[in-house]
């Protein structure tokens, strides 16, 4: 019986994924109070395409804090800029120093 190959919908970030995950977790950039309840929205939507998901997400997603801010492309862009800033200005220099000291 041929082995089933899983369909992958996310981008392959390779080794960079560890840095992205570390930074998002450390600086809480992917929390529900920043991007909404993403997993709950995915379960509710059951998207078949990325376009379907984006449309659904931007219609339904709000932050989970007292202000309930609507998630828009500009909100995500700002979070991406903060992520880039943290990686380049904090994480990389810290890790380079740590690796030199090993």
PDB file of N, CA and C in Angstrom:
ATOM      1  N   UNK A   1       0.843  -1.171   0.000  1.00  0.00           N
ATOM      2  CA  UNK A   1       0.000   0.000   0.000  1.00  0.00           C
ATOM      3  C   UNK A   1       0.896   1.244   0.000  1.00  0.00           C
ATOM      4  N   UNK A   2       0.661   2.186  -0.927  1.00  0.00           N
ATOM      5  CA  UNK A   2       1.498   3.383  -0.980  1.00  0.00           C
ATOM      6  C   UNK A   2       1.311   4.251   0.273  1.00  0.00           C
ATOM      7  N   UNK A   3       2.421   4.846   0.689  1.00  0.00           N
ATOM      8  CA  UNK A   3       2.395   5.697   1.871  1.00  0.00           C
ATOM      9  C   UNK A   3       1.721   7.028   1.531  1.00  0.00           C
ATOM     10  N   UNK A   4       0.813   7.457   2.395  1.00  0.00           N
ATOM     11  CA  UNK A   4       0.127   8.727   2.200  1.00  0.00           C
ATOM     12  C   UNK A   4       1.065   9.879   2.536  1.00  0.00           C
ATOM     13  N   UNK A   5       1.167  10.835   1.636  1.00  0.00           N
ATOM     14  CA  UNK A   5       1.982  12.022   1.887  1.00  0.00           C
ATOM     15  C   UNK A   5       1.050  13.119   2.384  1.00  0.00           C
ATOM     16  N   UNK A   6       1.313  13.640   3.589  1.00  0.00           N
ATOM     17  CA  UNK A   6       0.419  14.673   4.120  1.00  0.00           C
ATOM     18  C   UNK A   6       0.505  15.954   3.297  1.00  0.00           C
ATOM     19  N   UNK A   7      -0.628  16.604   3.152  1.00  0.00           N
ATOM     20  CA  UNK A   7      -0.672  17.883   2.457  1.00  0.00           C
ATOM     21  C   UNK A   7      -0.256  18.951   3.449  1.00  0.00           C
ATOM     22  N   UNK A   8       0.714  19.770   3.046  1.00  0.00           N
ATOM     23  CA  UNK A   8       1.216  20.813   3.922  1.00  0.00           C
ATOM     24  C   UNK A   8       0.769  22.170   3.400  1.00  0.00           C
ATOM     25  N   UNK A   9       0.136  22.960   4.256  1.00  0.00           N
ATOM     26  CA  UNK A   9      -0.373  24.260   3.850  1.00  0.00           C
ATOM     27  C   UNK A   9       0.501  25.408   4.317  1.00  0.00           C
ATOM     28  N   UNK A  10       1.380  25.155   5.271  1.00  0.00           N
ATOM     29  CA  UNK A  10       2.216  26.231   5.784  1.00  0.00           C
ATOM     30  C   UNK A  10       3.541  26.277   5.033  1.00  0.00           C
ATOM     31  N   UNK A  11       4.179  27.438   5.107  1.00  0.00           N
ATOM     32  CA  UNK A  11       5.479  27.599   4.465  1.00  0.00           C
ATOM     33  C   UNK A  11       6.525  26.818   5.258  1.00  0.00           C
ATOM     34  N   UNK A  12       7.559  26.352   4.570  1.00  0.00           N
ATOM     35  CA  UNK A  12       8.663  25.662   5.230  1.00  0.00           C
ATOM     36  C   UNK A  12       9.724  26.700   5.583  1.00  0.00           C
ATOM     37  N   UNK A  13       9.863  26.970   6.876  1.00  0.00           N
ATOM     38  CA  UNK A  13      10.842  27.949   7.323  1.00  0.00           C
ATOM     39  C   UNK A  13      12.174  27.306   7.695  1.00  0.00           C
ATOM     40  N   UNK A  14      12.245  25.981   7.670  1.00  0.00           N
ATOM     41  CA  UNK A  14      13.488  25.294   7.994  1.00  0.00           C
ATOM     42  C   UNK A  14      13.960  25.646   9.395  1.00  0.00           C
ATOM     43  N   UNK A  15      15.272  25.822   9.536  1.00  0.00           N
ATOM     44  CA  UNK A  15      15.865  26.129  10.833  1.00  0.00           C
ATOM     45  C   UNK A  15      15.411  27.480  11.369  1.00  0.00           C
ATOM     46  N   UNK A  16      14.972  28.358  10.476  1.00  0.00           N
ATOM     47  CA  UNK A  16      14.511  29.681  10.919  1.00  0.00           C
ATOM     48  C   UNK A  16      13.282  29.578  11.808  1.00  0.00           C
ATOM     49  N   UNK A  17      12.539  28.478  11.669  1.00  0.00           N
ATOM     50  CA  UNK A  17      11.310  28.314  12.451  1.00  0.00           C
ATOM     51  C   UNK A  17      11.599  28.336  13.947  1.00  0.00           C
ATOM     52  N   UNK A  18      12.731  27.778  14.359  1.00  0.00           N
ATOM     53  CA  UNK A  18      13.085  27.777  15.782  1.00  0.00           C
ATOM     54  C   UNK A  18      13.269  29.199  16.296  1.00  0.00           C
ATOM     55  N   UNK A  19      13.921  30.032  15.494  1.00  0.00           N
ATOM     56  CA  UNK A  19      14.137  31.426  15.884  1.00  0.00           C
ATOM     57  C   UNK A  19      12.806  32.170  15.930  1.00  0.00           C
ATOM     58  N   UNK A  20      11.977  31.957  14.917  1.00  0.00           N
ATOM     59  CA  UNK A  20      10.665  32.612  14.875  1.00  0.00           C
ATOM     60  C   UNK A  20       9.814  32.192  16.071  1.00  0.00           C
ATOM     61  N   UNK A  21       9.748  30.890  16.353  1.00  0.00           N
ATOM     62  CA  UNK A  21       8.958  30.396  17.485  1.00  0.00           C
ATOM     63  C   UNK A  21       9.489  30.920  18.814  1.00  0.00           C
ATOM     64  N   UNK A  22      10.808  30.869  18.979  1.00  0.00           N
ATOM     65  CA  UNK A  22      11.422  31.367  20.216  1.00  0.00           C
ATOM     66  C   UNK A  22      11.068  32.831  20.438  1.00  0.00           C
ATOM     67  N   UNK A  23      11.218  33.638  19.403  1.00  0.00           N
ATOM     68  CA  UNK A  23      10.983  35.072  19.534  1.00  0.00           C
ATOM     69  C   UNK A  23       9.509  35.374  19.775  1.00  0.00           C
ATOM     70  N   UNK A  24       8.630  34.707  19.027  1.00  0.00           N
ATOM     71  CA  UNK A  24       7.187  34.918  19.237  1.00  0.00           C
ATOM     72  C   UNK A  24       6.777  34.540  20.653  1.00  0.00           C
ATOM     73  N   UNK A  25       7.304  33.440  21.167  1.00  0.00           N
ATOM     74  CA  UNK A  25       6.954  33.005  22.515  1.00  0.00           C
ATOM     75  C   UNK A  25       7.553  33.920  23.569  1.00  0.00           C
ATOM     76  N   UNK A  26       8.824  34.268  23.408  1.00  0.00           N
ATOM     77  CA  UNK A  26       9.510  35.087  24.390  1.00  0.00           C
ATOM     78  C   UNK A  26       8.878  36.461  24.519  1.00  0.00           C
ATOM     79  N   UNK A  27       8.526  37.054  23.386  1.00  0.00           N
ATOM     80  CA  UNK A  27       7.968  38.412  23.397  1.00  0.00           C
ATOM     81  C   UNK A  27       6.447  38.421  23.220  1.00  0.00           C
ATOM     82  N   UNK A  28       5.828  37.249  23.317  1.00  0.00           N
ATOM     83  CA  UNK A  28       4.374  37.066  23.310  1.00  0.00           C
ATOM     84  C   UNK A  28       3.694  37.751  22.123  1.00  0.00           C
ATOM     85  N   UNK A  29       4.284  37.605  20.930  1.00  0.00           N
ATOM     86  CA  UNK A  29       3.750  38.257  19.735  1.00  0.00           C
ATOM     87  C   UNK A  29       2.658  37.455  19.042  1.00  0.00           C
ATOM     88  N   UNK A  30       2.457  36.211  19.457  1.00  0.00           N
ATOM     89  CA  UNK A  30       1.412  35.400  18.821  1.00  0.00           C
ATOM     90  C   UNK A  30       0.311  35.012  19.807  1.00  0.00           C
ATOM     91  N   UNK A  31       0.187  35.758  20.869  1.00  0.00           N
ATOM     92  CA  UNK A  31      -0.835  35.510  21.885  1.00  0.00           C
ATOM     93  C   UNK A  31      -2.212  35.946  21.394  1.00  0.00           C
ATOM     94  N   UNK A  32      -3.271  35.351  21.945  1.00  0.00           N
ATOM     95  CA  UNK A  32      -4.623  35.765  21.560  1.00  0.00           C
ATOM     96  C   UNK A  32      -4.900  37.257  21.764  1.00  0.00           C
ATOM     97  N   UNK A  33      -4.193  37.885  22.717  1.00  0.00           N
ATOM     98  CA  UNK A  33      -4.410  39.320  22.904  1.00  0.00           C
ATOM     99  C   UNK A  33      -3.706  40.154  21.830  1.00  0.00           C
ATOM    100  N   UNK A  34      -2.953  39.483  20.958  1.00  0.00           N
ATOM    101  CA  UNK A  34      -2.288  40.162  19.838  1.00  0.00           C
ATOM    102  C   UNK A  34      -2.896  39.785  18.485  1.00  0.00           C
ATOM    103  N   UNK A  35      -3.221  38.494  18.281  1.00  0.00           N
ATOM    104  CA  UNK A  35      -3.681  38.017  16.968  1.00  0.00           C
ATOM    105  C   UNK A  35      -5.056  37.351  17.001  1.00  0.00           C
ATOM    106  N   UNK A  36      -5.671  37.316  18.163  1.00  0.00           N
ATOM    107  CA  UNK A  36      -6.964  36.650  18.280  1.00  0.00           C
ATOM    108  C   UNK A  36      -6.800  35.168  18.582  1.00  0.00           C
ATOM    109  N   UNK A  37      -7.911  34.495  18.724  1.00  0.00           N
ATOM    110  CA  UNK A  37      -7.919  33.057  19.027  1.00  0.00           C
ATOM    111  C   UNK A  37      -7.793  32.277  17.721  1.00  0.00           C
ATOM    112  N   UNK A  38      -6.589  32.196  17.194  1.00  0.00           N
ATOM    113  CA  UNK A  38      -6.353  31.649  15.856  1.00  0.00           C
ATOM    114  C   UNK A  38      -6.818  30.200  15.733  1.00  0.00           C
ATOM    115  N   UNK A  39      -6.451  29.342  16.666  1.00  0.00           N
ATOM    116  CA  UNK A  39      -6.838  27.929  16.557  1.00  0.00           C
ATOM    117  C   UNK A  39      -8.357  27.767  16.613  1.00  0.00           C
ATOM    118  N   UNK A  40      -9.014  28.523  17.449  1.00  0.00           N
ATOM    119  CA  UNK A  40     -10.482  28.444  17.525  1.00  0.00           C
ATOM    120  C   UNK A  40     -11.095  28.891  16.195  1.00  0.00           C
ATOM    121  N   UNK A  41     -10.540  29.924  15.599  1.00  0.00           N
ATOM    122  CA  UNK A  41     -11.049  30.396  14.311  1.00  0.00           C
ATOM    123  C   UNK A  41     -10.804  29.369  13.203  1.00  0.00           C
ATOM    124  N   UNK A  42      -9.653  28.711  13.233  1.00  0.00           N
ATOM    125  CA  UNK A  42      -9.366  27.672  12.231  1.00  0.00           C
ATOM    126  C   UNK A  42     -10.365  26.529  12.374  1.00  0.00           C
ATOM    127  N   UNK A  43     -10.622  26.096  13.613  1.00  0.00           N
ATOM    128  CA  UNK A  43     -11.586  25.013  13.843  1.00  0.00           C
ATOM    129  C   UNK A  43     -12.992  25.412  13.380  1.00  0.00           C
ATOM    130  N   UNK A  44     -13.335  26.664  13.592  1.00  0.00           N
ATOM    131  CA  UNK A  44     -14.659  27.147  13.204  1.00  0.00           C
ATOM    132  C   UNK A  44     -14.783  27.265  11.683  1.00  0.00           C
ATOM    133  N   UNK A  45     -13.721  27.680  11.018  1.00  0.00           N
ATOM    134  CA  UNK A  45     -13.765  27.944   9.576  1.00  0.00           C
ATOM    135  C   UNK A  45     -13.581  26.690   8.720  1.00  0.00           C
ATOM    136  N   UNK A  46     -12.684  25.797   9.105  1.00  0.00           N
ATOM    137  CA  UNK A  46     -12.304  24.644   8.281  1.00  0.00           C
ATOM    138  C   UNK A  46     -11.908  25.097   6.869  1.00  0.00           C
ATOM    139  N   UNK A  47     -10.926  25.965   6.747  1.00  0.00           N
ATOM    140  CA  UNK A  47     -10.598  26.515   5.416  1.00  0.00           C
ATOM    141  C   UNK A  47     -10.034  25.455   4.478  1.00  0.00           C
ATOM    142  N   UNK A  48     -10.372  25.592   3.224  1.00  0.00           N
ATOM    143  CA  UNK A  48      -9.841  24.704   2.179  1.00  0.00           C
ATOM    144  C   UNK A  48      -8.689  25.372   1.434  1.00  0.00           C
ATOM    145  N   UNK A  49      -8.661  26.703   1.451  1.00  0.00           N
ATOM    146  CA  UNK A  49      -7.598  27.444   0.760  1.00  0.00           C
ATOM    147  C   UNK A  49      -7.097  28.562   1.669  1.00  0.00           C
ATOM    148  N   UNK A  50      -5.921  29.064   1.355  1.00  0.00           N
ATOM    149  CA  UNK A  50      -5.374  30.183   2.123  1.00  0.00           C
ATOM    150  C   UNK A  50      -6.227  31.428   1.926  1.00  0.00           C
ATOM    151  N   UNK A  51      -6.757  31.614   0.729  1.00  0.00           N
ATOM    152  CA  UNK A  51      -7.622  32.774   0.477  1.00  0.00           C
ATOM    153  C   UNK A  51      -8.889  32.724   1.331  1.00  0.00           C
ATOM    154  N   UNK A  52      -9.474  31.522   1.422  1.00  0.00           N
ATOM    155  CA  UNK A  52     -10.661  31.345   2.259  1.00  0.00           C
ATOM    156  C   UNK A  52     -10.332  31.671   3.712  1.00  0.00           C
ATOM    157  N   UNK A  53      -9.167  31.189   4.170  1.00  0.00           N
ATOM    158  CA  UNK A  53      -8.763  31.443   5.545  1.00  0.00           C
ATOM    159  C   UNK A  53      -8.536  32.940   5.795  1.00  0.00           C
ATOM    160  N   UNK A  54      -7.827  33.618   4.908  1.00  0.00           N
ATOM    161  CA  UNK A  54      -7.547  35.044   5.096  1.00  0.00           C
ATOM    162  C   UNK A  54      -8.843  35.852   5.173  1.00  0.00           C
ATOM    163  N   UNK A  55      -9.762  35.567   4.287  1.00  0.00           N
ATOM    164  CA  UNK A  55     -11.044  36.284   4.275  1.00  0.00           C
ATOM    165  C   UNK A  55     -11.765  36.066   5.604  1.00  0.00           C
ATOM    166  N   UNK A  56     -11.861  34.815   6.034  1.00  0.00           N
ATOM    167  CA  UNK A  56     -12.524  34.469   7.287  1.00  0.00           C
ATOM    168  C   UNK A  56     -11.837  35.148   8.476  1.00  0.00           C
ATOM    169  N   UNK A  57     -10.523  35.024   8.527  1.00  0.00           N
ATOM    170  CA  UNK A  57      -9.746  35.569   9.643  1.00  0.00           C
ATOM    171  C   UNK A  57      -9.944  37.075   9.771  1.00  0.00           C
ATOM    172  N   UNK A  58      -9.804  37.787   8.663  1.00  0.00           N
ATOM    173  CA  UNK A  58      -9.923  39.241   8.748  1.00  0.00           C
ATOM    174  C   UNK A  58     -11.358  39.709   8.978  1.00  0.00           C
ATOM    175  N   UNK A  59     -12.342  38.859   8.746  1.00  0.00           N
ATOM    176  CA  UNK A  59     -13.734  39.191   9.082  1.00  0.00           C
ATOM    177  C   UNK A  59     -14.034  38.913  10.557  1.00  0.00           C
ATOM    178  N   UNK A  60     -13.446  37.852  11.114  1.00  0.00           N
ATOM    179  CA  UNK A  60     -13.843  37.365  12.438  1.00  0.00           C
ATOM    180  C   UNK A  60     -12.863  37.638  13.579  1.00  0.00           C
ATOM    181  N   UNK A  61     -11.594  37.916  13.284  1.00  0.00           N
ATOM    182  CA  UNK A  61     -10.570  37.961  14.334  1.00  0.00           C
ATOM    183  C   UNK A  61     -10.529  39.292  15.074  1.00  0.00           C
ATOM    184  N   UNK A  62     -10.567  39.165  16.386  1.00  0.00           N
ATOM    185  CA  UNK A  62     -10.403  40.295  17.297  1.00  0.00           C
ATOM    186  C   UNK A  62      -9.438  39.863  18.387  1.00  0.00           C
ATOM    187  N   UNK A  63      -8.723  40.825  18.966  1.00  0.00           N
ATOM    188  CA  UNK A  63      -7.831  40.491  20.065  1.00  0.00           C
ATOM    189  C   UNK A  63      -8.657  40.066  21.266  1.00  0.00           C
ATOM    190  N   UNK A  64      -8.053  39.235  22.110  1.00  0.00           N
ATOM    191  CA  UNK A  64      -8.740  38.775  23.324  1.00  0.00           C
ATOM    192  C   UNK A  64      -8.248  39.582  24.523  1.00  0.00           C
ATOM    193  N   UNK A  65      -8.528  40.856  24.496  1.00  0.00           N
ATOM    194  CA  UNK A  65      -8.259  41.694  25.653  1.00  0.00           C
ATOM    195  C   UNK A  65      -9.458  42.604  25.853  1.00  0.00           C
ATOM    196  N   UNK A  66      -9.412  43.457  26.824  1.00  0.00           N
ATOM    197  CA  UNK A  66     -10.608  44.249  27.131  1.00  0.00           C
ATOM    198  C   UNK A  66     -11.021  45.185  26.004  1.00  0.00           C
ATOM    199  N   UNK A  67     -10.106  45.580  25.119  1.00  0.00           N
ATOM    200  CA  UNK A  67     -10.433  46.501  24.032  1.00  0.00           C
ATOM    201  C   UNK A  67     -10.984  45.805  22.792  1.00  0.00           C
ATOM    202  N   UNK A  68     -10.761  44.503  22.634  1.00  0.00           N
ATOM    203  CA  UNK A  68     -11.219  43.737  21.464  1.00  0.00           C
ATOM    204  C   UNK A  68     -10.924  44.462  20.152  1.00  0.00           C
ATOM    205  N   UNK A  69      -9.652  44.606  19.842  1.00  0.00           N
ATOM    206  CA  UNK A  69      -9.214  45.290  18.620  1.00  0.00           C
ATOM    207  C   UNK A  69      -9.391  44.364  17.425  1.00  0.00           C
ATOM    208  N   UNK A  70      -9.967  44.876  16.352  1.00  0.00           N
ATOM    209  CA  UNK A  70     -10.148  44.109  15.107  1.00  0.00           C
ATOM    210  C   UNK A  70      -8.787  43.843  14.486  1.00  0.00           C
ATOM    211  N   UNK A  71      -8.545  42.594  14.101  1.00  0.00           N
ATOM    212  CA  UNK A  71      -7.286  42.244  13.439  1.00  0.00           C
ATOM    213  C   UNK A  71      -7.414  42.604  11.960  1.00  0.00           C
ATOM    214  N   UNK A  72      -6.459  43.376  11.491  1.00  0.00           N
ATOM    215  CA  UNK A  72      -6.415  43.806  10.095  1.00  0.00           C
ATOM    216  C   UNK A  72      -5.033  43.483   9.533  1.00  0.00           C
ATOM    217  N   UNK A  73      -4.861  43.549   8.220  1.00  0.00           N
ATOM    218  CA  UNK A  73      -3.518  43.351   7.665  1.00  0.00           C
ATOM    219  C   UNK A  73      -2.491  44.317   8.265  1.00  0.00           C
ATOM    220  N   UNK A  74      -2.899  45.540   8.560  1.00  0.00           N
ATOM    221  CA  UNK A  74      -1.937  46.496   9.126  1.00  0.00           C
ATOM    222  C   UNK A  74      -1.534  46.116  10.554  1.00  0.00           C
ATOM    223  N   UNK A  75      -2.460  45.527  11.319  1.00  0.00           N
ATOM    224  CA  UNK A  75      -2.121  45.050  12.664  1.00  0.00           C
ATOM    225  C   UNK A  75      -1.079  43.937  12.567  1.00  0.00           C
ATOM    226  N   UNK A  76      -1.284  42.995  11.644  1.00  0.00           N
ATOM    227  CA  UNK A  76      -0.320  41.897  11.473  1.00  0.00           C
ATOM    228  C   UNK A  76       1.014  42.408  10.945  1.00  0.00           C
ATOM    229  N   UNK A  77       0.981  43.403  10.071  1.00  0.00           N
ATOM    230  CA  UNK A  77       2.219  43.989   9.546  1.00  0.00           C
ATOM    231  C   UNK A  77       3.030  44.608  10.685  1.00  0.00           C
ATOM    232  N   UNK A  78       2.348  45.310  11.577  1.00  0.00           N
ATOM    233  CA  UNK A  78       3.021  45.928  12.717  1.00  0.00           C
ATOM    234  C   UNK A  78       3.634  44.852  13.628  1.00  0.00           C
ATOM    235  N   UNK A  79       2.919  43.758  13.853  1.00  0.00           N
ATOM    236  CA  UNK A  79       3.470  42.654  14.651  1.00  0.00           C
ATOM    237  C   UNK A  79       4.676  42.033  13.967  1.00  0.00           C
ATOM    238  N   UNK A  80       4.607  41.895  12.633  1.00  0.00           N
ATOM    239  CA  UNK A  80       5.747  41.378  11.881  1.00  0.00           C
ATOM    240  C   UNK A  80       6.962  42.281  11.987  1.00  0.00           C
ATOM    241  N   UNK A  81       6.733  43.579  11.977  1.00  0.00           N
ATOM    242  CA  UNK A  81       7.838  44.527  12.136  1.00  0.00           C
ATOM    243  C   UNK A  81       8.443  44.431  13.527  1.00  0.00           C
ATOM    244  N   UNK A  82       7.584  44.261  14.542  1.00  0.00           N
ATOM    245  CA  UNK A  82       8.092  44.072  15.908  1.00  0.00           C
ATOM    246  C   UNK A  82       8.877  42.773  16.028  1.00  0.00           C
ATOM    247  N   UNK A  83       8.384  41.709  15.387  1.00  0.00           N
ATOM    248  CA  UNK A  83       9.096  40.424  15.381  1.00  0.00           C
ATOM    249  C   UNK A  83      10.471  40.583  14.749  1.00  0.00           C
ATOM    250  N   UNK A  84      10.530  41.233  13.602  1.00  0.00           N
ATOM    251  CA  UNK A  84      11.817  41.451  12.910  1.00  0.00           C
ATOM    252  C   UNK A  84      12.771  42.259  13.781  1.00  0.00           C
ATOM    253  N   UNK A  85      12.245  43.298  14.416  1.00  0.00           N
ATOM    254  CA  UNK A  85      13.073  44.136  15.275  1.00  0.00           C
ATOM    255  C   UNK A  85      13.643  43.333  16.448  1.00  0.00           C
ATOM    256  N   UNK A  86      12.809  42.523  17.086  1.00  0.00           N
ATOM    257  CA  UNK A  86      13.275  41.713  18.217  1.00  0.00           C
ATOM    258  C   UNK A  86      14.335  40.707  17.775  1.00  0.00           C
ATOM    259  N   UNK A  87      14.114  40.085  16.614  1.00  0.00           N
ATOM    260  CA  UNK A  87      15.090  39.104  16.129  1.00  0.00           C
ATOM    261  C   UNK A  87      16.421  39.776  15.823  1.00  0.00           C
ATOM    262  N   UNK A  88      16.392  40.859  15.066  1.00  0.00           N
ATOM    263  CA  UNK A  88      17.644  41.482  14.613  1.00  0.00           C
ATOM    264  C   UNK A  88      18.353  42.280  15.696  1.00  0.00           C
ATOM    265  N   UNK A  89      17.600  42.922  16.588  1.00  0.00           N
ATOM    266  CA  UNK A  89      18.230  43.800  17.567  1.00  0.00           C
ATOM    267  C   UNK A  89      18.448  43.164  18.934  1.00  0.00           C
ATOM    268  N   UNK A  90      17.726  42.078  19.219  1.00  0.00           N
ATOM    269  CA  UNK A  90      17.862  41.459  20.538  1.00  0.00           C
ATOM    270  C   UNK A  90      18.325  40.009  20.439  1.00  0.00           C
ATOM    271  N   UNK A  91      17.548  39.168  19.751  1.00  0.00           N
ATOM    272  CA  UNK A  91      17.806  37.726  19.759  1.00  0.00           C
ATOM    273  C   UNK A  91      19.146  37.378  19.110  1.00  0.00           C
ATOM    274  N   UNK A  92      19.392  37.854  17.907  1.00  0.00           N
ATOM    275  CA  UNK A  92      20.646  37.507  17.223  1.00  0.00           C
ATOM    276  C   UNK A  92      21.859  37.954  18.031  1.00  0.00           C
ATOM    277  N   UNK A  93      21.917  39.228  18.482  1.00  0.00           N
ATOM    278  CA  UNK A  93      23.082  39.614  19.293  1.00  0.00           C
ATOM    279  C   UNK A  93      23.247  38.791  20.570  1.00  0.00           C
ATOM    280  N   UNK A  94      22.117  38.492  21.252  1.00  0.00           N
ATOM    281  CA  UNK A  94      22.203  37.675  22.471  1.00  0.00           C
ATOM    282  C   UNK A  94      22.736  36.286  22.168  1.00  0.00           C
ATOM    283  N   UNK A  95      22.216  35.663  21.109  1.00  0.00           N
ATOM    284  CA  UNK A  95      22.651  34.313  20.765  1.00  0.00           C
ATOM    285  C   UNK A  95      24.096  34.302  20.298  1.00  0.00           C
ATOM    286  N   UNK A  96      24.503  35.292  19.524  1.00  0.00           N
ATOM    287  CA  UNK A  96      25.901  35.348  19.076  1.00  0.00           C
ATOM    288  C   UNK A  96      26.841  35.430  20.273  1.00  0.00           C
ATOM    289  N   UNK A  97      26.490  36.249  21.251  1.00  0.00           N
ATOM    290  CA  UNK A  97      27.301  36.368  22.464  1.00  0.00           C
ATOM    291  C   UNK A  97      27.331  35.033  23.212  1.00  0.00           C
ATOM    292  N   UNK A  98      26.167  34.412  23.343  1.00  0.00           N
ATOM    293  CA  UNK A  98      26.090  33.129  24.052  1.00  0.00           C
ATOM    294  C   UNK A  98      26.939  32.066  23.356  1.00  0.00           C
ATOM    295  N   UNK A  99      26.884  31.999  22.003  1.00  0.00           N
ATOM    296  CA  UNK A  99      27.655  31.005  21.270  1.00  0.00           C
ATOM    297  C   UNK A  99      29.151  31.254  21.411  1.00  0.00           C
ATOM    298  N   UNK A 100      29.573  32.487  21.434  1.00  0.00           N
ATOM    299  CA  UNK A 100      31.000  32.814  21.595  1.00  0.00           C
ATOM    300  C   UNK A 100      31.506  32.412  22.974  1.00  0.00           C
ATOM    301  N   UNK A 101      30.595  32.465  23.959  1.00  0.00           N
ATOM    302  CA  UNK A 101      30.990  32.154  25.330  1.00  0.00           C
ATOM    303  C   UNK A 101      30.943  30.664  25.657  1.00  0.00           C
ATOM    304  N   UNK A 102      30.438  29.845  24.735  1.00  0.00           N
ATOM    305  CA  UNK A 102      30.381  28.398  24.998  1.00  0.00           C
ATOM    306  C   UNK A 102      31.757  27.777  24.995  1.00  0.00           C
TER     307      UNK A 102
END
